[in-house]
C-alpha atoms as a PDB file:
ATOM      1  CA  MET A   1      10.837 -12.941  11.704  1.00  0.00           C
ATOM      2  CA  ALA A   2       9.414 -13.288   8.094  1.00  0.00           C
ATOM      3  CA  GLN A   3      11.894 -14.929   5.677  1.00  0.00           C
ATOM      4  CA  PRO A   4      12.821 -13.123   2.178  1.00  0.00           C
ATOM      5  CA  THR A   5      10.726 -14.290  -0.687  1.00  0.00           C
ATOM      6  CA  PRO A   6      12.414 -16.394  -3.289  1.00  0.00           C
ATOM      7  CA  PRO A   7      13.824 -14.735  -6.712  1.00  0.00           C
ATOM      8  CA  GLU A   8      11.414 -14.463  -9.478  1.00  0.00           C
ATOM      9  CA  PHE A   9      11.426 -17.332 -11.663  1.00  0.00           C
ATOM     10  CA  LYS A  10      10.468 -17.266 -15.370  1.00  0.00           C
ATOM     11  CA  PRO A  11       7.481 -19.289 -16.056  1.00  0.00           C
ATOM     12  CA  THR A  12       8.499 -20.509 -19.297  1.00  0.00           C
ATOM     13  CA  THR A  13      11.886 -21.944 -17.933  1.00  0.00           C
ATOM     14  CA  HIS A  14      12.570 -25.532 -17.254  1.00  0.00           C
ATOM     15  CA  LYS A  15      16.086 -25.955 -17.001  1.00  0.00           C
ATOM     16  CA  LYS A  16      17.504 -27.389 -13.936  1.00  0.00           C
ATOM     17  CA  THR A  17      20.217 -25.029 -13.578  1.00  0.00           C
ATOM     18  CA  ALA A  18      20.727 -22.032 -11.519  1.00  0.00           C
ATOM     19  CA  PRO A  19      19.049 -18.585 -11.852  1.00  0.00           C
ATOM     20  CA  HIS A  20      22.269 -16.543 -12.150  1.00  0.00           C
ATOM     21  CA  ALA A  21      25.327 -18.453 -13.661  1.00  0.00           C
ATOM     22  CA  HIS A  22      28.435 -16.380 -13.475  1.00  0.00           C
ATOM     23  CA  LYS A  23      31.137 -16.146 -16.365  1.00  0.00           C
ATOM     24  CA  SER A  24      34.893 -16.753 -16.275  1.00  0.00           C
ATOM     25  CA  LYS A  25      37.082 -14.107 -18.145  1.00  0.00           C
ATOM     26  CA  THR A  26      36.960 -16.158 -21.210  1.00  0.00           C
ATOM     27  CA  GLY A  27      33.147 -15.903 -21.343  1.00  0.00           C
ATOM     28  CA  GLN A  28      32.545 -19.602 -20.479  1.00  0.00           C
ATOM     29  CA  PRO A  29      29.803 -20.019 -17.604  1.00  0.00           C
ATOM     30  CA  LEU A  30      31.601 -21.497 -14.218  1.00  0.00           C
ATOM     31  CA  PRO A  31      29.771 -24.425 -12.755  1.00  0.00           C
ATOM     32  CA  PRO A  32      27.060 -23.367 -10.276  1.00  0.00           C
ATOM     33  CA  THR A  33      27.777 -23.397  -6.610  1.00  0.00           C
ATOM     34  CA  GLU A  34      25.683 -24.813  -3.873  1.00  0.00           C
ATOM     35  CA  LYS A  35      24.953 -21.058  -2.687  1.00  0.00           C
ATOM     36  CA  GLN A  36      23.757 -20.568  -6.383  1.00  0.00           C
ATOM     37  CA  THR A  37      21.422 -23.336  -6.375  1.00  0.00           C
ATOM     38  CA  ILE A  38      19.740 -22.963  -2.790  1.00  0.00           C
ATOM     39  CA  VAL A  39      16.970 -20.161  -3.036  1.00  0.00           C
ATOM     40  CA  ALA A  40      14.943 -18.661  -0.368  1.00  0.00           C
ATOM     41  CA  TYR A  41      12.120 -20.799   1.257  1.00  0.00           C
ATOM     42  CA  GLU A  42       9.091 -19.988   3.419  1.00  0.00           C
ATOM     43  CA  ASN A  43       8.573 -23.272   5.602  1.00  0.00           C
ATOM     44  CA  ASN A  44       6.351 -21.861   8.379  1.00  0.00           C
ATOM     45  CA  PRO A  45       2.568 -22.565   7.024  1.00  0.00           C
ATOM     46  CA  PHE A  46       1.658 -19.481   9.074  1.00  0.00           C
ATOM     47  CA  THR A  47       4.076 -17.152   7.413  1.00  0.00           C
ATOM     48  CA  ILE A  48       3.013 -18.696   3.835  1.00  0.00           C
ATOM     49  CA  ALA A  49      -0.562 -18.170   4.494  1.00  0.00           C
ATOM     50  CA  ALA A  50       0.084 -14.445   5.736  1.00  0.00           C
ATOM     51  CA  SER A  51       2.518 -13.589   2.576  1.00  0.00           C
ATOM     52  CA  GLY A  52      -0.371 -15.011   0.315  1.00  0.00           C
ATOM     53  CA  ILE A  53      -2.769 -13.097   1.426  1.00  0.00           C
ATOM     54  CA  ASP A  54      -0.443  -9.866   1.419  1.00  0.00           C
ATOM     55  CA  GLY A  55       0.469 -11.051  -2.108  1.00  0.00           C
ATOM     56  CA  LEU A  56      -3.203 -10.928  -3.287  1.00  0.00           C
ATOM     57  CA  PHE A  57      -3.751  -7.566  -1.986  1.00  0.00           C
ATOM     58  CA  LYS A  58      -0.725  -6.446  -3.568  1.00  0.00           C
ATOM     59  CA  TYR A  59      -0.837  -7.926  -6.880  1.00  0.00           C
ATOM     60  CA  ALA A  60      -4.366  -8.685  -7.366  1.00  0.00           C
ATOM     61  CA  LYS A  61      -5.965  -6.110  -5.048  1.00  0.00           C
ATOM     62  CA  VAL A  62      -9.720  -5.985  -6.669  1.00  0.00           C
ATOM     63  CA  LEU A  63     -10.050  -9.864  -6.879  1.00  0.00           C
ATOM     64  CA  ALA A  64      -8.979  -9.860  -3.251  1.00  0.00           C
ATOM     65  CA  ILE A  65     -11.388  -7.713  -2.126  1.00  0.00           C
ATOM     66  CA  ILE A  66     -14.268  -9.554  -4.039  1.00  0.00           C
ATOM     67  CA  MET A  67     -12.897 -12.597  -2.186  1.00  0.00           C
ATOM     68  CA  LEU A  68     -13.219 -10.935   1.097  1.00  0.00           C
ATOM     69  CA  VAL A  69     -16.487  -9.354   0.331  1.00  0.00           C
ATOM     70  CA  LEU A  70     -17.856 -12.995  -0.289  1.00  0.00           C
ATOM     71  CA  SER A  71     -16.624 -14.399   2.787  1.00  0.00           C
ATOM     72  CA  LEU A  72     -18.302 -11.709   4.768  1.00  0.00           C
ATOM     73  CA  PHE A  73     -21.470 -12.139   3.098  1.00  0.00           C
ATOM     74  CA  GLY A  74     -21.261 -16.138   3.873  1.00  0.00           C
ATOM     75  CA  ILE A  75     -20.508 -15.000   7.590  1.00  0.00           C
ATOM     76  CA  PHE A  76     -23.504 -12.575   7.683  1.00  0.00           C
ATOM     77  CA  GLY A  77     -25.752 -14.967   5.504  1.00  0.00           C
ATOM     78  CA  ASN A  78     -25.065 -17.798   8.267  1.00  0.00           C
ATOM     79  CA  ALA A  79     -25.528 -15.430  11.220  1.00  0.00           C
ATOM     80  CA  ILE A  80     -28.585 -13.421  10.121  1.00  0.00           C
ATOM     81  CA  PRO A  81     -31.067 -16.470   9.747  1.00  0.00           C
ATOM     82  CA  ALA A  82     -29.753 -17.965  13.059  1.00  0.00           C
ATOM     83  CA  ALA A  83     -30.614 -14.333  14.872  1.00  0.00           C
ATOM     84  CA  PHE A  84     -34.127 -14.562  13.457  1.00  0.00           C
ATOM     85  CA  ASP A  85     -34.684 -18.401  14.216  1.00  0.00           C
ATOM     86  CA  HIS A  86     -33.647 -18.177  17.699  1.00  0.00           C
ATOM     87  CA  GLY A  87     -35.053 -14.815  18.483  1.00  0.00           C
ATOM     88  CA  PRO A  88     -37.600 -14.048  21.467  1.00  0.00           C
ATOM     89  CA  TYR A  89     -40.251 -13.045  19.063  1.00  0.00           C
ATOM     90  CA  ARG A  90     -40.387 -16.190  16.779  1.00  0.00           C
ATOM     91  CA  PRO A  91     -43.959 -16.840  15.982  1.00  0.00           C
ATOM     92  CA  GLU A  92     -44.657 -20.633  16.708  1.00  0.00           C
ATOM     93  CA  PRO A  93     -45.784 -22.525  13.764  1.00  0.00           C
ATOM     94  CA  THR A  94     -49.562 -23.233  13.578  1.00  0.00           C
ATOM     95  CA  PRO A  95     -50.363 -27.152  13.138  1.00  0.00           C
ATOM     96  CA  THR A  96     -52.622 -27.735  10.322  1.00  0.00           C
ATOM     97  CA  PRO A  97     -54.505 -30.792   9.893  1.00  0.00           C
ATOM     98  CA  ALA A  98     -53.407 -33.360   7.492  1.00  0.00           C
ATOM     99  CA  GLU A  99     -55.689 -33.725   4.410  1.00  0.00           C
ATOM    100  CA  PRO A 100     -55.882 -37.065   2.565  1.00  0.00           C
ATOM    101  CA  VAL A 101     -53.735 -36.958  -0.625  1.00  0.00           C
ATOM    102  CA  ALA A 102     -55.109 -39.453  -3.158  1.00  0.00           C
ATOM    103  CA  SER A 103     -52.012 -41.227  -4.723  1.00  0.00           C
ATOM    104  CA  PRO A 104     -52.095 -40.369  -8.615  1.00  0.00           C
ATOM    105  CA  SER A 105     -51.481 -43.667 -10.652  1.00  0.00           C
ATOM    106  CA  LEU A 106     -49.074 -43.371 -13.437  1.00  0.00           C
ATOM    107  CA  SER A 107     -48.556 -45.200 -16.503  1.00  0.00           C
ATOM    108  CA  PRO A 108     -45.198 -46.725 -17.335  1.00  0.00           C
ATOM    109  CA  GLU A 109     -44.696 -44.278 -20.193  1.00  0.00           C
ATOM    110  CA  GLN A 110     -45.352 -41.506 -17.888  1.00  0.00           C
ATOM    111  CA  ILE A 111     -42.909 -42.777 -15.316  1.00  0.00           C
ATOM    112  CA  ILE A 112     -40.150 -42.800 -18.123  1.00  0.00           C
ATOM    113  CA  ALA A 113     -41.114 -39.132 -19.424  1.00  0.00           C
ATOM    114  CA  LEU A 114     -40.833 -38.143 -15.838  1.00  0.00           C
ATOM    115  CA  VAL A 115     -37.571 -39.676 -15.155  1.00  0.00           C
ATOM    116  CA  ALA A 116     -36.306 -38.303 -18.095  1.00  0.00           C
ATOM    117  CA  VAL A 117     -37.494 -34.838 -17.335  1.00  0.00           C
ATOM    118  CA  VAL A 118     -36.097 -34.796 -13.760  1.00  0.00           C
ATOM    119  CA  GLY A 119     -32.664 -36.441 -15.144  1.00  0.00           C
ATOM    120  CA  GLY A 120     -32.536 -33.515 -17.917  1.00  0.00           C
ATOM    121  CA  ILE A 121     -33.322 -30.839 -15.484  1.00  0.00           C
ATOM    122  CA  ALA A 122     -30.588 -32.414 -12.809  1.00  0.00           C
ATOM    123  CA  PHE A 123     -28.007 -32.823 -15.854  1.00  0.00           C
ATOM    124  CA  VAL A 124     -28.305 -29.114 -16.831  1.00  0.00           C
ATOM    125  CA  ALA A 125     -28.024 -28.046 -13.271  1.00  0.00           C
ATOM    126  CA  ILE A 126     -24.959 -30.169 -12.776  1.00  0.00           C
ATOM    127  CA  VAL A 127     -23.032 -28.698 -15.982  1.00  0.00           C
ATOM    128  CA  ILE A 128     -24.399 -24.818 -15.113  1.00  0.00           C
ATOM    129  CA  GLY A 129     -23.082 -25.273 -11.649  1.00  0.00           C
ATOM    130  CA  PHE A 130     -19.753 -26.857 -12.765  1.00  0.00           C
ATOM    131  CA  LEU A 131     -19.348 -23.543 -15.465  1.00  0.00           C
ATOM    132  CA  VAL A 132     -19.943 -21.167 -12.510  1.00  0.00           C
ATOM    133  CA  SER A 133     -17.650 -22.961  -9.963  1.00  0.00           C
ATOM    134  CA  ALA A 134     -14.947 -23.101 -12.990  1.00  0.00           C
ATOM    135  CA  ILE A 135     -15.285 -19.468 -13.673  1.00  0.00           C
ATOM    136  CA  PHE A 136     -14.912 -18.513  -9.732  1.00  0.00           C
ATOM    137  CA  THR A 137     -12.125 -21.143  -9.462  1.00  0.00           C
ATOM    138  CA  GLY A 138     -10.579 -19.675 -12.488  1.00  0.00           C
ATOM    139  CA  LEU A 139     -10.243 -16.085 -11.263  1.00  0.00           C
ATOM    140  CA  ARG A 140      -8.840 -17.645  -7.828  1.00  0.00           C
ATOM    141  CA  ASP A 141      -6.325 -19.335  -9.847  1.00  0.00           C
ATOM    142  CA  VAL A 142      -5.331 -16.372 -12.258  1.00  0.00           C
ATOM    143  CA  SER A 143      -5.020 -14.433  -8.924  1.00  0.00           C
ATOM    144  CA  ALA A 144      -2.712 -16.943  -7.457  1.00  0.00           C
ATOM    145  CA  ALA A 145      -0.843 -16.811 -10.713  1.00  0.00           C
ATOM    146  CA  ALA A 146      -0.142 -13.267 -10.174  1.00  0.00           C
ATOM    147  CA  VAL A 147       1.445 -13.725  -6.839  1.00  0.00           C
ATOM    148  CA  ALA A 148       3.425 -16.222  -7.959  1.00  0.00           C
ATOM    149  CA  ASN A 149       4.742 -14.216 -10.752  1.00  0.00           C
ATOM    150  CA  GLN A 150       4.492 -11.061  -8.807  1.00  0.00           C
ATOM    151  CA  LYS A 151       2.886  -9.198 -11.578  1.00  0.00           C
ATOM    152  CA  PRO A 152      -0.091  -7.161 -10.802  1.00  0.00           C
ATOM    153  CA  VAL A 153      -3.352  -8.105 -12.579  1.00  0.00           C
ATOM    154  CA  SER A 154      -6.691  -6.148 -12.602  1.00  0.00           C
ATOM    155  CA  PHE A 155      -9.863  -7.681 -12.793  1.00  0.00           C
ATOM    156  CA  GLY A 156     -10.655  -7.162 -16.565  1.00  0.00           C
ATOM    157  CA  GLU A 157      -7.170  -8.683 -17.123  1.00  0.00           C
ATOM    158  CA  ALA A 158      -7.974 -11.380 -15.116  1.00  0.00           C
ATOM    159  CA  CYS A 159     -11.547 -11.959 -16.861  1.00  0.00           C
ATOM    160  CA  SER A 160      -9.519 -11.665 -20.059  1.00  0.00           C
ATOM    161  CA  VAL A 161      -6.894 -14.512 -19.177  1.00  0.00           C
ATOM    162  CA  LEU A 162      -9.486 -16.992 -18.004  1.00  0.00           C
ATOM    163  CA  PHE A 163     -11.852 -16.919 -20.852  1.00  0.00           C
ATOM    164  CA  SER A 164      -9.112 -16.890 -23.414  1.00  0.00           C
ATOM    165  CA  ARG A 165      -8.368 -20.195 -22.221  1.00  0.00           C
ATOM    166  CA  PHE A 166     -11.758 -21.335 -20.770  1.00  0.00           C
ATOM    167  CA  GLY A 167     -11.798 -24.261 -22.599  1.00  0.00           C
ATOM    168  CA  SER A 168      -8.469 -25.800 -21.678  1.00  0.00           C
ATOM    169  CA  TYR A 169      -9.202 -24.628 -17.982  1.00  0.00           C
ATOM    170  CA  LEU A 170     -12.548 -26.491 -17.910  1.00  0.00           C
ATOM    171  CA  TRP A 171     -10.988 -29.607 -18.946  1.00  0.00           C
ATOM    172  CA  LEU A 172      -7.967 -29.516 -16.684  1.00  0.00           C
ATOM    173  CA  GLN A 173     -10.856 -29.517 -13.993  1.00  0.00           C
ATOM    174  CA  VAL A 174     -12.322 -32.551 -15.582  1.00  0.00           C
ATOM    175  CA  LEU A 175      -9.029 -34.016 -15.175  1.00  0.00           C
ATOM    176  CA  ILE A 176      -8.672 -33.339 -11.650  1.00  0.00           C
ATOM    177  CA  VAL A 177     -12.115 -34.507 -10.611  1.00  0.00           C
ATOM    178  CA  VAL A 178     -11.640 -37.775 -12.666  1.00  0.00           C
ATOM    179  CA  LYS A 179      -8.278 -38.666 -11.272  1.00  0.00           C
ATOM    180  CA  VAL A 180      -9.161 -37.724  -7.751  1.00  0.00           C
ATOM    181  CA  PHE A 181     -12.293 -39.655  -7.963  1.00  0.00           C
ATOM    182  CA  LEU A 182     -10.344 -42.808  -9.428  1.00  0.00           C
ATOM    183  CA  TRP A 183      -7.518 -42.397  -6.842  1.00  0.00           C
ATOM    184  CA  SER A 184     -10.485 -42.297  -4.170  1.00  0.00           C
ATOM    185  CA  LEU A 185     -11.693 -45.612  -5.114  1.00  0.00           C
ATOM    186  CA  LEU A 186      -8.662 -47.001  -3.340  1.00  0.00           C
ATOM    187  CA  LEU A 187      -9.965 -46.545   0.180  1.00  0.00           C
ATOM    188  CA  ILE A 188     -10.072 -42.510   0.313  1.00  0.00           C
ATOM    189  CA  VAL A 189      -6.795 -41.888   1.664  1.00  0.00           C
ATOM    190  CA  PRO A 190      -4.866 -41.929  -1.819  1.00  0.00           C
ATOM    191  CA  GLY A 191      -7.673 -39.547  -3.263  1.00  0.00           C
ATOM    192  CA  ILE A 192      -7.026 -37.067  -0.440  1.00  0.00           C
ATOM    193  CA  ILE A 193      -3.203 -37.306  -1.078  1.00  0.00           C
ATOM    194  CA  MET A 194      -3.513 -36.918  -4.733  1.00  0.00           C
ATOM    195  CA  ALA A 195      -6.019 -33.867  -4.307  1.00  0.00           C
ATOM    196  CA  VAL A 196      -3.299 -32.171  -2.137  1.00  0.00           C
ATOM    197  CA  ARG A 197      -0.721 -32.937  -5.263  1.00  0.00           C
ATOM    198  CA  TYR A 198      -3.064 -31.621  -7.706  1.00  0.00           C
ATOM    199  CA  SER A 199      -3.989 -28.315  -5.876  1.00  0.00           C
ATOM    200  CA  LEU A 200      -1.370 -26.053  -7.714  1.00  0.00           C
ATOM    201  CA  ALA A 201      -2.347 -27.436 -11.166  1.00  0.00           C
ATOM    202  CA  GLY A 202      -4.737 -24.484 -11.770  1.00  0.00           C
ATOM    203  CA  THR A 203      -2.194 -21.809 -10.817  1.00  0.00           C
ATOM    204  CA  ALA A 204       0.498 -23.402 -12.848  1.00  0.00           C
ATOM    205  CA  PHE A 205      -1.756 -23.567 -15.852  1.00  0.00           C
ATOM    206  CA  PHE A 206      -2.028 -19.658 -15.876  1.00  0.00           C
ATOM    207  CA  ALA A 207       1.194 -18.788 -14.379  1.00  0.00           C
ATOM    208  CA  GLN A 208       3.379 -20.565 -16.505  1.00  0.00           C
ATOM    209  CA  ASN A 209       0.620 -20.902 -19.404  1.00  0.00           C
ATOM    210  CA  MET A 210       0.752 -24.686 -19.599  1.00  0.00           C
ATOM    211  CA  LYS A 211      -1.550 -27.177 -21.253  1.00  0.00           C
ATOM    212  CA  ALA A 212      -3.856 -29.053 -18.720  1.00  0.00           C
ATOM    213  CA  SER A 213      -1.933 -32.406 -18.777  1.00  0.00           C
ATOM    214  CA  ASP A 214       1.385 -30.459 -18.285  1.00  0.00           C
ATOM    215  CA  ALA A 215      -0.030 -28.570 -15.402  1.00  0.00           C
ATOM    216  CA  LEU A 216      -1.196 -31.698 -13.689  1.00  0.00           C
ATOM    217  CA  ALA A 217       2.224 -33.182 -13.992  1.00  0.00           C
ATOM    218  CA  HIS A 218       3.798 -30.138 -12.692  1.00  0.00           C
ATOM    219  CA  SER A 219       1.858 -29.948  -9.638  1.00  0.00           C
ATOM    220  CA  THR A 220       2.560 -33.211  -9.067  1.00  0.00           C
ATOM    221  CA  ARG A 221       5.992 -33.180  -9.735  1.00  0.00           C
ATOM    222  CA  ILE A 222       6.772 -29.905  -7.559  1.00  0.00           C
ATOM    223  CA  THR A 223       4.429 -30.817  -4.520  1.00  0.00           C
ATOM    224  CA  LYS A 224       6.897 -33.958  -3.884  1.00  0.00           C
ATOM    225  CA  GLY A 225       8.478 -33.550  -0.679  1.00  0.00           C
ATOM    226  CA  GLY A 226       6.219 -30.585   0.113  1.00  0.00           C
ATOM    227  CA  TRP A 227       3.015 -32.281   0.984  1.00  0.00           C
ATOM    228  CA  PHE A 228       3.001 -31.780   4.809  1.00  0.00           C
ATOM    229  CA  THR A 229       3.708 -28.085   4.499  1.00  0.00           C
ATOM    230  CA  THR A 230       1.216 -27.688   1.433  1.00  0.00           C
ATOM    231  CA  VAL A 231      -1.816 -29.247   3.577  1.00  0.00           C
ATOM    232  CA  ALA A 232      -0.698 -27.128   6.834  1.00  0.00           C
ATOM    233  CA  SER A 233      -0.319 -23.919   4.809  1.00  0.00           C
ATOM    234  CA  TYR A 234      -4.111 -24.549   3.661  1.00  0.00           C
ATOM    235  CA  GLY A 235      -5.310 -25.594   7.089  1.00  0.00           C
ATOM    236  CA  LEU A 236      -3.417 -23.695   9.770  1.00  0.00           C
ATOM    237  CA  PHE A 237      -4.582 -20.289   9.323  1.00  0.00           C
ATOM    238  CA  ASN A 238      -8.287 -21.458   8.270  1.00  0.00           C
ATOM    239  CA  LEU A 239      -8.132 -23.180  11.748  1.00  0.00           C
ATOM    240  CA  ILE A 240      -7.314 -20.146  13.137  1.00  0.00           C
ATOM    241  CA  THR A 241      -9.800 -17.976  11.470  1.00  0.00           C
ATOM    242  CA  LEU A 242     -12.603 -20.612  11.727  1.00  0.00           C
ATOM    243  CA  GLY A 243     -12.521 -20.990   7.928  1.00  0.00           C
ATOM    244  CA  LEU A 244     -14.308 -17.784   7.790  1.00  0.00           C
ATOM    245  CA  ILE A 245     -11.958 -16.398   4.763  1.00  0.00           C
ATOM    246  CA  SER A 246     -10.727 -19.791   3.409  1.00  0.00           C
ATOM    247  CA  VAL A 247     -11.233 -18.498  -0.240  1.00  0.00           C
ATOM    248  CA  LEU A 248      -8.780 -15.712   0.373  1.00  0.00           C
ATOM    249  CA  ILE A 249      -6.388 -18.058   2.462  1.00  0.00           C
ATOM    250  CA  ASP A 250      -6.386 -21.005  -0.058  1.00  0.00           C
ATOM    251  CA  THR A 251      -5.743 -18.656  -3.163  1.00  0.00           C
ATOM    252  CA  GLY A 252      -2.760 -16.978  -1.513  1.00  0.00           C
ATOM    253  CA  VAL A 253      -1.214 -20.001  -0.295  1.00  0.00           C
ATOM    254  CA  ARG A 254      -1.377 -21.392  -3.937  1.00  0.00           C
ATOM    255  CA  GLY A 255       0.501 -18.527  -5.330  1.00  0.00           C
ATOM    256  CA  ILE A 256       3.434 -18.652  -2.688  1.00  0.00           C
ATOM    257  CA  LEU A 257       3.808 -22.218  -2.751  1.00  0.00           C
ATOM    258  CA  LEU A 258       3.849 -22.627  -6.673  1.00  0.00           C
ATOM    259  CA  ARG A 259       6.784 -19.720  -6.719  1.00  0.00           C
ATOM    260  CA  GLN A 260       8.915 -21.415  -4.190  1.00  0.00           C
ATOM    261  CA  PHE A 261       8.358 -25.102  -5.306  1.00  0.00           C
ATOM    262  CA  THR A 262       8.894 -24.238  -8.848  1.00  0.00           C
ATOM    263  CA  ALA A 263      11.910 -22.209  -7.647  1.00  0.00           C
ATOM    264  CA  TYR A 264      13.085 -25.421  -6.042  1.00  0.00           C
ATOM    265  CA  ASP A 265      12.414 -27.787  -8.759  1.00  0.00           C
ATOM    266  CA  ALA A 266      14.267 -25.374 -11.458  1.00  0.00           C
ATOM    267  CA  ALA A 267      17.475 -25.613  -9.378  1.00  0.00           C
ATOM    268  CA  GLY A 268      17.089 -29.333  -8.490  1.00  0.00           C
ATOM    269  CA  VAL A 269      17.388 -28.605  -4.837  1.00  0.00           C
ATOM    270  CA  ARG A 270      15.566 -30.908  -2.217  1.00  0.00           C
ATOM    271  CA  LYS A 271      12.890 -28.945  -0.148  1.00  0.00           C
ATOM    272  CA  PRO A 272      13.594 -28.249   3.621  1.00  0.00           C
ATOM    273  CA  SER A 273      12.004 -30.714   6.297  1.00  0.00           C
ATOM    274  CA  PRO A 274       8.504 -29.724   7.649  1.00  0.00           C
ATOM    275  CA  HIS A 275       8.443 -26.729  10.109  1.00  0.00           C
ATOM    276  CA  GLY A 276       7.934 -27.529  13.755  1.00  0.00           C
ATOM    277  CA  VAL A 277       4.602 -25.681  13.168  1.00  0.00           C
ATOM    278  CA  THR A 278       3.521 -27.980  10.635  1.00  0.00           C
ATOM    279  CA  ILE A 279       4.347 -30.998  12.968  1.00  0.00           C
ATOM    280  CA  ALA A 280       2.509 -29.594  15.736  1.00  0.00           C
ATOM    281  CA  TYR A 281      -0.458 -28.937  13.141  1.00  0.00           C
ATOM    282  CA  PHE A 282      -0.624 -32.497  12.070  1.00  0.00           C
ATOM    283  CA  ALA A 283      -0.051 -33.623  16.014  1.00  0.00           C
ATOM    284  CA  PHE A 284      -3.207 -31.694  16.866  1.00  0.00           C
ATOM    285  CA  LEU A 285      -4.995 -33.189  13.867  1.00  0.00           C
ATOM    286  CA  ILE A 286      -4.154 -36.836  14.807  1.00  0.00           C
ATOM    287  CA  PHE A 287      -5.357 -35.942  18.623  1.00  0.00           C
ATOM    288  CA  VAL A 288      -8.527 -34.887  17.420  1.00  0.00           C
ATOM    289  CA  VAL A 289      -8.951 -37.974  15.063  1.00  0.00           C
ATOM    290  CA  LEU A 290      -8.112 -40.210  18.222  1.00  0.00           C
ATOM    291  CA  ALA A 291     -10.009 -38.282  20.462  1.00  0.00           C
ATOM    292  CA  GLY A 292     -13.027 -38.493  18.134  1.00  0.00           C
ATOM    293  CA  LEU A 293     -12.596 -42.197  17.641  1.00  0.00           C
ATOM    294  CA  GLY A 294     -12.369 -42.721  21.558  1.00  0.00           C
ATOM    295  CA  MET A 295     -15.685 -40.601  22.025  1.00  0.00           C
ATOM    296  CA  LEU A 296     -17.544 -42.909  19.587  1.00  0.00           C
ATOM    297  CA  VAL A 297     -16.124 -46.176  21.356  1.00  0.00           C
ATOM    298  CA  VAL A 298     -17.341 -44.739  24.738  1.00  0.00           C
ATOM    299  CA  LEU A 299     -20.780 -44.049  23.113  1.00  0.00           C
ATOM    300  CA  ALA A 300     -20.998 -47.453  21.469  1.00  0.00           C
ATOM    301  CA  ALA A 301     -20.112 -49.081  24.931  1.00  0.00           C
ATOM    302  CA  PHE A 302     -22.640 -47.167  26.619  1.00  0.00           C
ATOM    303  CA  ALA A 303     -25.457 -48.147  23.813  1.00  0.00           C
ATOM    304  CA  ILE A 304     -24.413 -51.906  23.972  1.00  0.00           C
ATOM    305  CA  ASN A 305     -24.771 -51.707  28.042  1.00  0.00           C
ATOM    306  CA  GLY A 306     -28.059 -50.062  27.638  1.00  0.00           C
ATOM    307  CA  PHE A 307     -29.675 -52.469  25.088  1.00  0.00           C
ATOM    308  CA  SER A 308     -28.177 -55.251  27.240  1.00  0.00           C
ATOM    309  CA  GLU A 309     -29.951 -54.244  30.641  1.00  0.00           C
END
């Protein structure tokens, strides 16, 4: 049975008090009770993903449809070439005789100029790719922020919100890339852990109108104690759907997690332990990793035996 969604929180509020404080007859606020500090919490990663998708179509319908269409184009884009490549009427390639090619001799100045041109083209391509990726990711974060705040947003409004703060959002993306890279230098694992901890920064940036550094700090703080739930919420539904609508799933999950993690952080309440489904998901991942390592060991043993004979 689906659990109730948490009460709406105010994006600009950072107080550690209960959302509804009762007053005494004298007008003085009474101390909060435990019931006032505990808020509803979706702990099942499957439910979180389902609620996120539902929230996207409720609060950011046009953007959700665009994400779904792009996902479907990705599906058919991969399926159609495969159908032609393996069809019964695929023409056989005609071998052509190789012609000797003379190797041109380049002077050092020409080599330097060529390297400079290729490097410049590569740099421009990287910058353009980063900008396009930031626009698409930014629209996703605006959509997730609409789910978190439970306020509808149209496509035009989402674009207006994104481009009004696009410079700061680009800086946030640069900070995330640099920080994850630096953490990854410590044997990869810390980079993976911190990438998950930073995953709500973009949504918090728009949902709570934060600066880039504040959004990073907020995401890092609210995901403490919820790392396993966060990973399972991203991964479980994608595993079931074979990753075909991962863009839709990940965006919705961000909105739900930011909403309830922020509510718990504002109330100063410890998050519940991981759900049984989350534990089962990680047990499955561990099994897959161990099975893969076992297969590598077996293949290596066969290869060694084959060489020794």
